[in-house]
């Protein structure tokens, strides 16, 4: 099948090489990317999984647990993986978390390959069919995002798998009308994947609705296939509801609780509101110009040119709904990134074909493209190799090097409980207490953590001599702290203090 998709063996080998490059970078990012991109990734996934194992007390879980509004399916899968590690005699939560990230990265990589295969078939005979593979392999922020154990990432991967499957069966092209047969097993599989995407993150329901309406109104699939889509979707909903029943201890319909509390009772708005247009400048800023400009403009142009495309029906409504909601965060849009890369590539090919050949052949144009490629690879290397969260690095150090130490003192932020009412339990060493240092402390030797490079001034004033034992950033970076970028990056330090 692989070789038949491509116009010649060289194109097939090139696609395979790009797929392997993407796999290698995704796995590298999964191993390196310790921690969380947003606290929800930790408190509503890892801590929930830890509670299922009996290691996190349920009374200290985030407020969403008593509200019974978060899906339990994804944490339950991680809890099963953790039990397998325990059976093998491995009890390190950091090893478990690495395996969770590897699972996320592999699932997301599989979604990339599936959509690239569908695009190769759908764009057969066009240059964009070959562009999709390096685009997925080299987009600088994808490996970092795909290594996340967040509900946004896992839900996006499942949704993209479903969309790719449907496009493969009902292709070719981005926009083709008319009745088309969708075999019942395929419809069941697509519906199951889309239902699982919803059960991991409820906002995926917008994409699911877009797929359903597209299948009904644009491709006009047969009633039996529509029934198969619905059956697969309902099977996933039933499985998710059963897991929620087990986790919460009673029958609940968590999607309704989520909608009621966050939207109708305006709980989400209590975390901040933004104007409807907030996403547009943020997209340009966060994805990094000029790449973000090409992504945003290319996606918008593809929506205009292909109003009946499956990818349009799954991404455009998704953005519009999130623009209408008052509480906005960039992570909410992550599920639409991969389909939008395909749409943008289609638009870029169209723009390229309109550029006269004499301009495309100019050395300056080629040099600019090479420069952009080098910059993208540099960004990719940094994004894939960096830790996601310095505090998680500190937790790992305390777990591996100070696990038997009964007390760790802190000045400033509490490393175990940043907010004062939501403690980190999953990564925190069992039996270790975090105490705020006070002048009344009489111990001669202390382990102290702080969010600064230098030893805390109050301890020096109290007669302690402090030596840095661990820092999440090397101290020599302070020599290059232009515009306070090092300070903004954040550092956690451990000091050994004696008097």
Protein backbone atom coordinates (compact mmCIF):
# COMPACT_ATOMS: atom_id res chain seq x y z
CA UNK A 1 0.00 0.00 0.00
CA UNK A 2 2.79 2.42 0.95
CA UNK A 3 4.58 2.28 -2.39
CA UNK A 4 1.35 2.52 -4.40
CA UNK A 5 0.52 5.87 -2.79
CA UNK A 6 3.56 7.63 -4.21
CA UNK A 7 4.42 8.56 -7.80
CA UNK A 8 7.84 6.86 -7.64
CA UNK A 9 10.05 4.90 -5.22
CA UNK A 10 12.10 7.98 -4.35
CA UNK A 11 9.00 9.80 -3.11
CA UNK A 12 8.00 6.76 -1.02
CA UNK A 13 11.47 6.55 0.54
CA UNK A 14 11.49 10.30 1.25
CA UNK A 15 8.14 10.07 3.04
CA UNK A 16 9.37 7.12 5.10
CA UNK A 17 12.51 9.03 6.07
CA UNK A 18 10.50 12.05 7.17
CA UNK A 19 8.17 9.81 9.18
CA UNK A 20 11.18 8.29 10.96
CA UNK A 21 12.65 11.75 11.61
CA UNK A 22 9.36 12.82 13.16
CA UNK A 23 9.27 9.65 15.26
CA UNK A 24 12.82 10.16 16.55
CA UNK A 25 12.21 13.81 17.49
CA UNK A 26 8.87 12.98 19.12
CA UNK A 27 10.44 10.26 21.28
CA UNK A 28 13.37 12.51 22.18
CA UNK A 29 10.96 15.25 23.26
CA UNK A 30 8.93 12.76 25.29
CA UNK A 31 12.00 11.69 27.26
CA UNK A 32 13.32 15.22 27.75
CA UNK A 33 10.09 17.14 28.34
CA UNK A 34 9.65 16.61 32.07
CA UNK A 35 6.70 18.32 33.72
CA UNK A 36 3.64 20.07 32.41
CA UNK A 37 2.80 22.82 29.93
CA UNK A 38 -0.20 23.91 32.02
CA UNK A 39 -1.07 22.96 35.57
CA UNK A 40 -4.26 21.25 34.38
CA UNK A 41 -2.04 18.68 32.70
CA UNK A 42 -0.72 17.75 36.13
CA UNK A 43 -3.62 18.23 38.52
CA UNK A 44 -6.43 16.91 36.32
CA UNK A 45 -4.55 14.01 34.75
CA UNK A 46 -1.56 12.80 36.77
CA UNK A 47 -3.02 13.54 40.20
CA UNK A 48 -6.32 11.92 39.16
CA UNK A 49 -4.40 8.83 38.05
CA UNK A 50 -2.44 8.88 41.30
CA UNK A 51 -5.71 9.04 43.25
CA UNK A 52 -6.93 5.97 41.38
CA UNK A 53 -3.82 4.21 42.70
CA UNK A 54 -4.57 5.36 46.25
CA UNK A 55 -1.47 7.55 46.41
CA UNK A 56 -3.08 11.01 46.23
CA UNK A 57 -5.77 11.62 48.87
CA UNK A 58 -8.98 12.49 47.10
CA UNK A 59 -9.71 15.33 49.48
CA UNK A 60 -6.70 17.28 48.11
CA UNK A 61 -7.62 16.88 44.44
CA UNK A 62 -8.54 19.93 42.37
CA UNK A 63 -12.03 21.40 42.72
CA UNK A 64 -13.14 19.65 39.54
CA UNK A 65 -13.15 16.32 41.40
CA UNK A 66 -15.93 17.17 43.88
CA UNK A 67 -17.73 18.93 41.02
CA UNK A 68 -17.57 15.60 39.09
CA UNK A 69 -16.94 17.40 35.83
CA UNK A 70 -13.67 15.99 34.46
CA UNK A 71 -13.41 12.82 32.35
CA UNK A 72 -11.70 9.92 34.11
CA UNK A 73 -10.87 7.85 31.02
CA UNK A 74 -7.38 9.21 30.29
CA UNK A 75 -6.21 9.12 33.95
CA UNK A 76 -7.58 5.57 34.19
CA UNK A 77 -5.41 4.46 31.27
CA UNK A 78 -2.35 5.99 32.94
CA UNK A 79 -3.28 4.28 36.21
CA UNK A 80 -3.30 0.94 34.39
CA UNK A 81 0.14 1.67 32.95
CA UNK A 82 1.40 2.61 36.42
CA UNK A 83 0.06 -0.67 37.82
CA UNK A 84 2.03 -2.51 35.14
CA UNK A 85 5.17 -0.65 36.30
CA UNK A 86 4.42 -1.58 39.91
CA UNK A 87 4.05 -5.20 38.88
CA UNK A 88 7.55 -4.93 37.38
CA UNK A 89 8.84 -3.44 40.64
CA UNK A 90 9.20 0.16 39.38
CA UNK A 91 7.61 2.72 41.71
CA UNK A 92 9.21 5.94 40.45
CA UNK A 93 6.52 8.42 39.37
CA UNK A 94 9.10 9.98 37.04
CA UNK A 95 9.57 6.72 35.15
CA UNK A 96 5.81 6.38 34.95
CA UNK A 97 5.42 9.94 33.66
CA UNK A 98 8.07 9.36 31.00
CA UNK A 99 6.14 6.32 29.79
CA UNK A 100 2.93 8.40 29.74
CA UNK A 101 4.66 11.00 27.58
CA UNK A 102 6.01 8.32 25.27
CA UNK A 103 2.48 6.95 24.85
CA UNK A 104 1.20 10.46 24.06
CA UNK A 105 4.04 11.07 21.60
CA UNK A 106 3.50 7.75 19.81
CA UNK A 107 -0.25 8.32 19.59
CA UNK A 108 0.28 11.82 18.18
CA UNK A 109 2.94 10.61 15.76
CA UNK A 110 0.54 7.90 14.55
CA UNK A 111 -2.06 10.60 13.94
CA UNK A 112 0.48 12.62 11.92
CA UNK A 113 1.34 9.62 9.75
CA UNK A 114 -2.34 8.75 9.25
CA UNK A 115 -3.23 12.29 8.17
CA UNK A 116 -0.12 12.50 5.96
CA UNK A 117 -1.14 9.26 4.23
CA UNK A 118 -4.67 10.57 3.70
CA UNK A 119 -3.26 13.85 2.35
CA UNK A 120 -0.85 11.99 0.04
CA UNK A 121 -3.80 10.12 -1.43
CA UNK A 122 -6.07 13.16 -1.46
CA UNK A 123 -3.47 15.43 -3.10
CA UNK A 124 -2.18 12.80 -5.54
CA UNK A 125 -0.25 14.36 -8.41
CA UNK A 126 0.33 17.66 -6.60
CA UNK A 127 3.48 19.02 -4.96
CA UNK A 128 1.67 19.49 -1.66
CA UNK A 129 1.35 15.70 -1.36
CA UNK A 130 5.10 15.57 -0.77
CA UNK A 131 5.24 18.72 1.35
CA UNK A 132 3.02 17.38 4.11
CA UNK A 133 5.65 14.90 5.33
CA UNK A 134 8.52 17.36 6.01
CA UNK A 135 5.99 19.89 7.32
CA UNK A 136 4.87 17.46 10.02
CA UNK A 137 8.44 16.40 10.78
CA UNK A 138 9.92 19.90 11.05
CA UNK A 139 7.19 22.11 12.53
CA UNK A 140 9.14 23.26 15.53
CA UNK A 141 6.49 23.13 18.25
CA UNK A 142 4.81 19.80 17.39
CA UNK A 143 7.12 17.38 19.28
CA UNK A 144 6.87 19.46 22.46
CA UNK A 145 3.08 19.66 22.28
CA UNK A 146 2.75 16.00 21.32
CA UNK A 147 4.82 14.89 24.31
CA UNK A 148 2.27 16.39 26.64
CA UNK A 149 -0.04 14.23 28.71
CA UNK A 150 -2.66 16.97 28.52
CA UNK A 151 -6.22 16.20 27.55
CA UNK A 152 -5.88 18.68 24.66
CA UNK A 153 -3.06 16.67 23.11
CA UNK A 154 -4.50 13.18 23.55
CA UNK A 155 -7.94 14.28 22.40
CA UNK A 156 -6.43 15.97 19.34
CA UNK A 157 -4.52 12.81 18.37
CA UNK A 158 -7.66 10.68 18.59
CA UNK A 159 -9.69 13.22 16.61
CA UNK A 160 -7.03 13.49 13.88
CA UNK A 161 -6.91 9.70 13.60
CA UNK A 162 -10.67 9.66 13.08
CA UNK A 163 -10.56 12.52 10.56
CA UNK A 164 -7.70 10.88 8.64
CA UNK A 165 -9.57 7.57 8.50
CA UNK A 166 -12.69 9.27 7.17
CA UNK A 167 -10.72 11.32 4.60
CA UNK A 168 -8.94 8.17 3.46
CA UNK A 169 -12.18 6.30 2.92
CA UNK A 170 -14.08 9.20 1.33
CA UNK A 171 -11.22 10.96 -0.51
CA UNK A 172 -9.62 12.09 -2.72
CA UNK A 173 -9.29 15.84 -2.62
CA UNK A 174 -10.20 18.43 -0.04
CA UNK A 175 -13.59 19.14 -1.54
CA UNK A 176 -15.71 16.62 -3.33
CA UNK A 177 -19.45 16.38 -3.10
CA UNK A 178 -21.94 13.64 -3.68
CA UNK A 179 -23.01 10.40 -2.12
CA UNK A 180 -20.15 8.07 -1.28
CA UNK A 181 -20.18 4.66 0.36
CA UNK A 182 -18.64 4.41 3.81
CA UNK A 183 -18.36 0.76 4.89
CA UNK A 184 -19.96 0.04 8.23
CA UNK A 185 -16.75 -1.17 9.96
CA UNK A 186 -15.02 2.05 8.94
CA UNK A 187 -17.92 4.13 10.18
CA UNK A 188 -17.82 2.32 13.52
CA UNK A 189 -14.08 2.87 13.82
CA UNK A 190 -14.28 6.57 12.96
CA UNK A 191 -17.16 7.06 15.39
CA UNK A 192 -15.28 5.25 18.15
CA UNK A 193 -12.16 7.41 17.71
CA UNK A 194 -14.18 10.62 17.66
CA UNK A 195 -16.12 9.49 20.72
CA UNK A 196 -12.89 8.73 22.58
CA UNK A 197 -11.58 12.19 21.61
CA UNK A 198 -14.72 13.67 23.18
CA UNK A 199 -14.38 11.50 26.29
CA UNK A 200 -10.83 12.75 26.82
CA UNK A 201 -11.71 16.43 26.29
CA UNK A 202 -15.27 17.60 25.89
CA UNK A 203 -14.42 20.56 23.64
CA UNK A 204 -13.70 17.98 20.93
CA UNK A 205 -17.46 17.78 20.62
CA UNK A 206 -17.28 20.76 18.26
CA UNK A 207 -15.03 18.78 15.91
CA UNK A 208 -17.22 15.71 16.26
CA UNK A 209 -20.28 17.77 15.31
CA UNK A 210 -18.40 19.18 12.32
CA UNK A 211 -17.54 15.68 11.09
CA UNK A 212 -21.12 14.52 11.50
CA UNK A 213 -22.61 17.49 9.66
CA UNK A 214 -20.04 17.19 6.89
CA UNK A 215 -20.81 13.50 6.43
CA UNK A 216 -24.56 14.20 6.39
CA UNK A 217 -24.73 17.40 4.33
CA UNK A 218 -21.66 17.42 2.09
CA UNK A 219 -20.75 13.80 1.40
CA UNK A 220 -24.27 12.57 2.06
CA UNK A 221 -23.13 9.20 3.33
CA UNK A 222 -25.73 6.47 3.51
CA UNK A 223 -27.97 6.07 6.58
CA UNK A 224 -26.29 2.81 7.58
CA UNK A 225 -22.90 4.56 7.69
CA UNK A 226 -24.36 7.42 9.73
CA UNK A 227 -25.77 4.84 12.13
CA UNK A 228 -22.30 3.28 12.34
CA UNK A 229 -20.74 6.64 13.18
CA UNK A 230 -23.37 7.17 15.88
CA UNK A 231 -22.90 3.66 17.26
CA UNK A 232 -19.15 4.07 17.56
CA UNK A 233 -19.61 7.43 19.23
CA UNK A 234 -22.15 6.04 21.71
CA UNK A 235 -19.89 3.08 22.53
CA UNK A 236 -17.11 5.50 23.50
CA UNK A 237 -19.55 7.59 25.56
CA UNK A 238 -20.75 4.46 27.36
CA UNK A 239 -17.18 3.40 28.15
CA UNK A 240 -16.30 6.87 29.42
CA UNK A 241 -19.43 7.06 31.55
CA UNK A 242 -18.65 3.67 33.09
CA UNK A 243 -15.13 4.80 34.01
CA UNK A 244 -16.54 8.02 35.48
CA UNK A 245 -18.94 5.91 37.56
CA UNK A 246 -16.03 3.90 38.93
CA UNK A 247 -13.90 6.97 39.69
CA UNK A 248 -16.54 9.23 41.21
CA UNK A 249 -18.35 6.44 43.02
CA UNK A 250 -21.77 7.19 41.55
CA UNK A 251 -23.44 7.59 38.19
CA UNK A 252 -22.67 11.02 36.77
CA UNK A 253 -22.80 12.61 33.33
CA UNK A 254 -19.59 14.59 33.52
CA UNK A 255 -20.00 16.37 30.13
CA UNK A 256 -23.20 18.00 31.36
CA UNK A 257 -21.56 19.00 34.65
CA UNK A 258 -18.68 20.52 32.70
CA UNK A 259 -21.01 22.52 30.44
CA UNK A 260 -23.31 23.59 33.28
CA UNK A 261 -20.55 24.76 35.63
CA UNK A 262 -18.13 26.33 33.15
CA UNK A 263 -20.58 27.93 30.73
CA UNK A 264 -24.00 28.35 32.33
CA UNK A 265 -22.64 29.13 35.81
CA UNK A 266 -19.70 31.12 34.35
CA UNK A 267 -17.03 29.32 36.35
CA UNK A 268 -14.57 29.40 33.44
CA UNK A 269 -14.99 33.18 33.17
CA UNK A 270 -13.81 33.52 36.77
CA UNK A 271 -10.32 32.55 35.54
CA UNK A 272 -10.22 35.54 33.21
CA UNK A 273 -12.05 36.82 30.14
CA UNK A 274 -10.71 38.05 26.82
CA UNK A 275 -12.21 39.77 23.76
CA UNK A 276 -13.36 37.60 20.87
CA UNK A 277 -10.33 38.54 18.75
CA UNK A 278 -7.69 37.59 21.34
CA UNK A 279 -6.64 34.40 19.58
CA UNK A 280 -5.59 36.10 16.35
CA UNK A 281 -2.59 38.10 17.63
CA UNK A 282 -1.73 35.29 20.05
CA UNK A 283 -1.51 32.76 17.22
CA UNK A 284 0.97 34.99 15.39
CA UNK A 285 2.99 35.54 18.55
CA UNK A 286 3.08 32.01 19.96
CA UNK A 287 3.70 30.00 16.79
CA UNK A 288 6.48 32.40 15.80
CA UNK A 289 6.51 34.63 12.73
CA UNK A 290 6.97 34.20 9.82
CA UNK A 291 5.83 30.57 10.26
CA UNK A 292 2.76 31.62 12.20
CA UNK A 293 1.80 34.12 9.51
CA UNK A 294 1.93 31.42 6.85
CA UNK A 295 -0.05 29.05 9.09
CA UNK A 296 -2.79 31.57 9.92
CA UNK A 297 -3.08 33.12 6.45
CA UNK A 298 -2.85 29.75 4.72
CA UNK A 299 -5.55 28.26 6.90
CA UNK A 300 -7.90 31.21 6.39
CA UNK A 301 -7.35 31.12 2.62
CA UNK A 302 -8.00 27.37 2.51
CA UNK A 303 -11.24 27.85 4.44
CA UNK A 304 -12.29 30.39 1.81
CA UNK A 305 -11.25 28.21 -1.15
CA UNK A 306 -12.56 24.92 0.25
CA UNK A 307 -15.73 25.68 2.21
CA UNK A 308 -16.93 22.09 1.81
CA UNK A 309 -13.69 20.44 2.93
CA UNK A 310 -13.75 17.99 5.83
CA UNK A 311 -10.82 19.87 7.35
CA UNK A 312 -12.70 23.16 7.06
CA UNK A 313 -15.78 21.73 8.75
CA UNK A 314 -13.69 20.42 11.66
CA UNK A 315 -11.42 23.44 12.25
CA UNK A 316 -13.31 26.62 11.33
CA UNK A 317 -16.26 25.98 13.68
CA UNK A 318 -13.81 24.94 16.38
CA UNK A 319 -12.11 28.34 16.21
CA UNK A 320 -15.39 30.25 16.00
CA UNK A 321 -16.83 28.55 19.09
CA UNK A 322 -13.68 29.26 21.09
CA UNK A 323 -13.72 32.89 19.96
CA UNK A 324 -17.30 33.15 21.24
CA UNK A 325 -16.39 31.77 24.69
CA UNK A 326 -15.24 34.44 27.12
CA UNK A 327 -12.40 32.50 28.77
CA UNK A 328 -9.57 31.91 26.31
CA UNK A 329 -6.25 30.09 26.47
CA UNK A 330 -3.99 29.19 23.58
CA UNK A 331 -3.91 25.54 24.61
CA UNK A 332 -7.62 25.30 23.79
CA UNK A 333 -6.73 25.62 20.09
CA UNK A 334 -4.04 22.92 20.03
CA UNK A 335 -6.42 20.25 18.65
CA UNK A 336 -6.81 22.16 15.37
CA UNK A 337 -3.09 22.71 14.71
CA UNK A 338 -2.32 19.54 12.71
CA UNK A 339 -5.31 19.77 10.30
CA UNK A 340 -4.52 23.47 9.84
CA UNK A 341 -0.96 22.62 8.78
CA UNK A 342 -2.44 20.59 5.91
CA UNK A 343 -4.76 23.43 4.95
CA UNK A 344 -1.89 25.93 5.08
CA UNK A 345 0.32 23.68 2.92
CA UNK A 346 -2.44 23.52 0.31
CA UNK A 347 -2.65 27.32 0.25
CA UNK A 348 1.12 27.78 0.07
CA UNK A 349 1.24 25.52 -2.99
CA UNK A 350 -1.42 27.65 -4.64
CA UNK A 351 0.49 30.86 -3.86
CA UNK A 352 3.73 29.34 -5.09
CA UNK A 353 2.16 28.44 -8.42
CA UNK A 354 1.18 32.07 -8.90
CA UNK A 355 4.76 33.30 -8.43
CA UNK A 356 6.62 33.66 -11.75
CA UNK A 357 9.29 31.03 -12.27
CA UNK A 358 12.01 33.69 -12.61
CA UNK A 359 11.30 34.88 -9.07
CA UNK A 360 11.27 31.36 -7.64
CA UNK A 361 14.62 30.60 -9.25
CA UNK A 362 16.38 33.65 -7.84
CA UNK A 363 19.23 32.97 -5.46
CA UNK A 364 17.90 35.42 -2.87
CA UNK A 365 14.62 33.54 -2.62
CA UNK A 366 16.41 30.23 -2.13
CA UNK A 367 18.72 31.75 0.46
CA UNK A 368 15.75 33.14 2.41
CA UNK A 369 14.07 29.72 2.42
CA UNK A 370 17.28 28.09 3.62
CA UNK A 371 17.57 30.67 6.41
CA UNK A 372 13.99 30.01 7.51
CA UNK A 373 14.67 26.27 7.48
CA UNK A 374 17.78 26.68 9.63
CA UNK A 375 15.86 28.87 12.09
CA UNK A 376 13.03 26.33 12.24
CA UNK A 377 15.43 23.44 12.92
CA UNK A 378 17.09 25.50 15.67
CA UNK A 379 13.72 26.20 17.29
CA UNK A 380 12.81 22.53 16.91
CA UNK A 381 16.01 21.45 18.68
CA UNK A 382 15.38 23.81 21.59
CA UNK A 383 11.68 22.98 21.95
CA UNK A 384 12.25 19.21 21.79
CA UNK A 385 15.15 19.16 24.25
CA UNK A 386 13.99 21.48 27.00
CA UNK A 387 12.20 20.51 30.16
CA UNK A 388 8.60 21.63 30.24
CA UNK A 389 8.65 22.78 33.86
CA UNK A 390 11.60 23.73 36.12
CA UNK A 391 9.64 22.89 39.27
CA UNK A 392 9.26 19.29 38.05
CA UNK A 393 13.05 19.15 37.70
CA UNK A 394 13.37 20.21 41.33
CA UNK A 395 10.85 17.57 42.37
CA UNK A 396 12.87 14.93 40.52
CA UNK A 397 16.07 16.05 42.26
CA UNK A 398 14.40 15.93 45.67
CA UNK A 399 12.91 12.52 44.90
CA UNK A 400 16.18 10.96 43.76
CA UNK A 401 18.71 12.75 46.01
CA UNK A 402 16.78 13.87 49.10
CA UNK A 403 14.10 11.23 49.34
CA UNK A 404 15.06 10.22 52.89
CA UNK A 405 15.42 13.82 54.11
CA UNK A 406 12.50 14.58 56.45
CA UNK A 407 12.22 18.34 55.92
CA UNK A 408 12.94 20.79 53.12
CA UNK A 409 12.69 24.48 53.94
CA UNK A 410 11.66 27.14 51.46
CA UNK A 411 11.62 30.89 51.18
CA UNK A 412 9.09 32.48 48.87
CA UNK A 413 7.07 29.94 46.89
CA UNK A 414 6.24 26.59 48.46
CA UNK A 415 7.60 23.91 46.07
CA UNK A 416 4.99 21.42 47.23
CA UNK A 417 1.99 23.75 47.05
CA UNK A 418 2.31 26.86 44.90
CA UNK A 419 -1.18 28.16 45.60
CA UNK A 420 -1.51 27.15 49.23
CA UNK A 421 -4.50 24.86 48.69
CA UNK A 422 -3.53 22.44 45.90
CA UNK A 423 -0.48 20.34 46.78
CA UNK A 424 1.70 18.37 44.41
CA UNK A 425 1.50 14.76 45.52
CA UNK A 426 2.32 12.75 42.41
CA UNK A 427 5.96 13.89 42.16
CA UNK A 428 6.61 14.83 45.78
CA UNK A 429 8.86 12.43 47.78
CA UNK A 430 6.75 10.42 50.27
CA UNK A 431 7.39 11.42 53.88
CA UNK A 432 9.11 14.69 53.02
CA UNK A 433 7.70 17.85 54.59
CA UNK A 434 8.03 21.34 53.10
CA UNK A 435 8.27 24.08 55.73
CA UNK A 436 8.68 27.81 55.41
CA UNK A 437 11.94 28.95 56.95
CA UNK A 438 11.52 31.27 59.92
CA UNK A 439 14.19 32.94 62.09
CA UNK A 440 13.04 30.71 64.96
CA UNK A 441 14.45 27.62 63.21
CA UNK A 442 17.42 26.36 65.26
CA UNK A 443 18.75 23.50 63.15
CA UNK A 444 22.44 23.77 62.28
CA UNK A 445 22.11 22.18 58.83
CA UNK A 446 19.27 22.84 56.42
CA UNK A 447 18.18 22.03 52.89
CA UNK A 448 16.53 25.16 51.48
CA UNK A 449 14.88 25.74 48.10
CA UNK A 450 14.19 29.12 46.54
CA UNK A 451 13.30 30.68 43.19
CA UNK A 452 16.62 32.53 42.78
CA UNK A 453 20.26 31.90 41.94
CA UNK A 454 21.70 33.45 45.09
CA UNK A 455 21.32 32.07 48.63
CA UNK A 456 18.32 33.66 50.40
CA UNK A 457 19.37 36.83 52.19
CA UNK A 458 17.46 36.07 55.46
CA UNK A 459 19.45 32.88 55.97
CA UNK A 460 22.73 34.69 55.37
CA UNK A 461 21.68 37.34 57.87
CA UNK A 462 20.91 34.57 60.40
CA UNK A 463 24.50 33.34 60.14
CA UNK A 464 24.09 30.48 57.70
CA UNK A 465 26.69 29.74 55.04
CA UNK A 466 24.83 28.42 51.98
CA UNK A 467 26.11 26.54 48.97
CA UNK A 468 24.06 25.82 45.85
CA UNK A 469 23.63 22.09 45.37
CA UNK A 470 21.15 22.02 42.47
CA UNK A 471 19.78 24.60 40.05
CA UNK A 472 17.37 24.18 37.18
CA UNK A 473 19.39 26.68 35.13
CA UNK A 474 23.19 27.03 35.12
CA UNK A 475 24.36 30.13 36.93
CA UNK A 476 26.59 31.24 34.04
CA UNK A 477 23.47 32.12 32.06
CA UNK A 478 23.15 35.23 34.22
CA UNK A 479 25.99 36.79 32.21
CA UNK A 480 23.69 36.77 29.20
CA UNK A 481 20.52 37.92 30.96
CA UNK A 482 19.61 40.52 28.38
CA UNK A 483 16.23 42.10 29.01
CA UNK A 484 15.80 39.82 32.09
CA UNK A 485 15.02 36.75 29.96
CA UNK A 486 16.73 34.42 32.45
CA UNK A 487 14.65 35.79 35.30
CA UNK A 488 11.48 35.36 33.26
CA UNK A 489 12.46 31.78 32.41
CA UNK A 490 12.32 30.92 36.11
CA UNK A 491 14.83 29.04 38.23
CA UNK A 492 14.57 26.76 41.24
CA UNK A 493 17.65 26.27 43.40
CA UNK A 494 18.50 23.99 46.29
CA UNK A 495 20.95 25.25 48.91
CA UNK A 496 22.75 23.37 51.65
CA UNK A 497 23.03 25.79 54.54
CA UNK A 498 25.12 25.39 57.73
CA UNK A 499 26.01 27.48 60.75
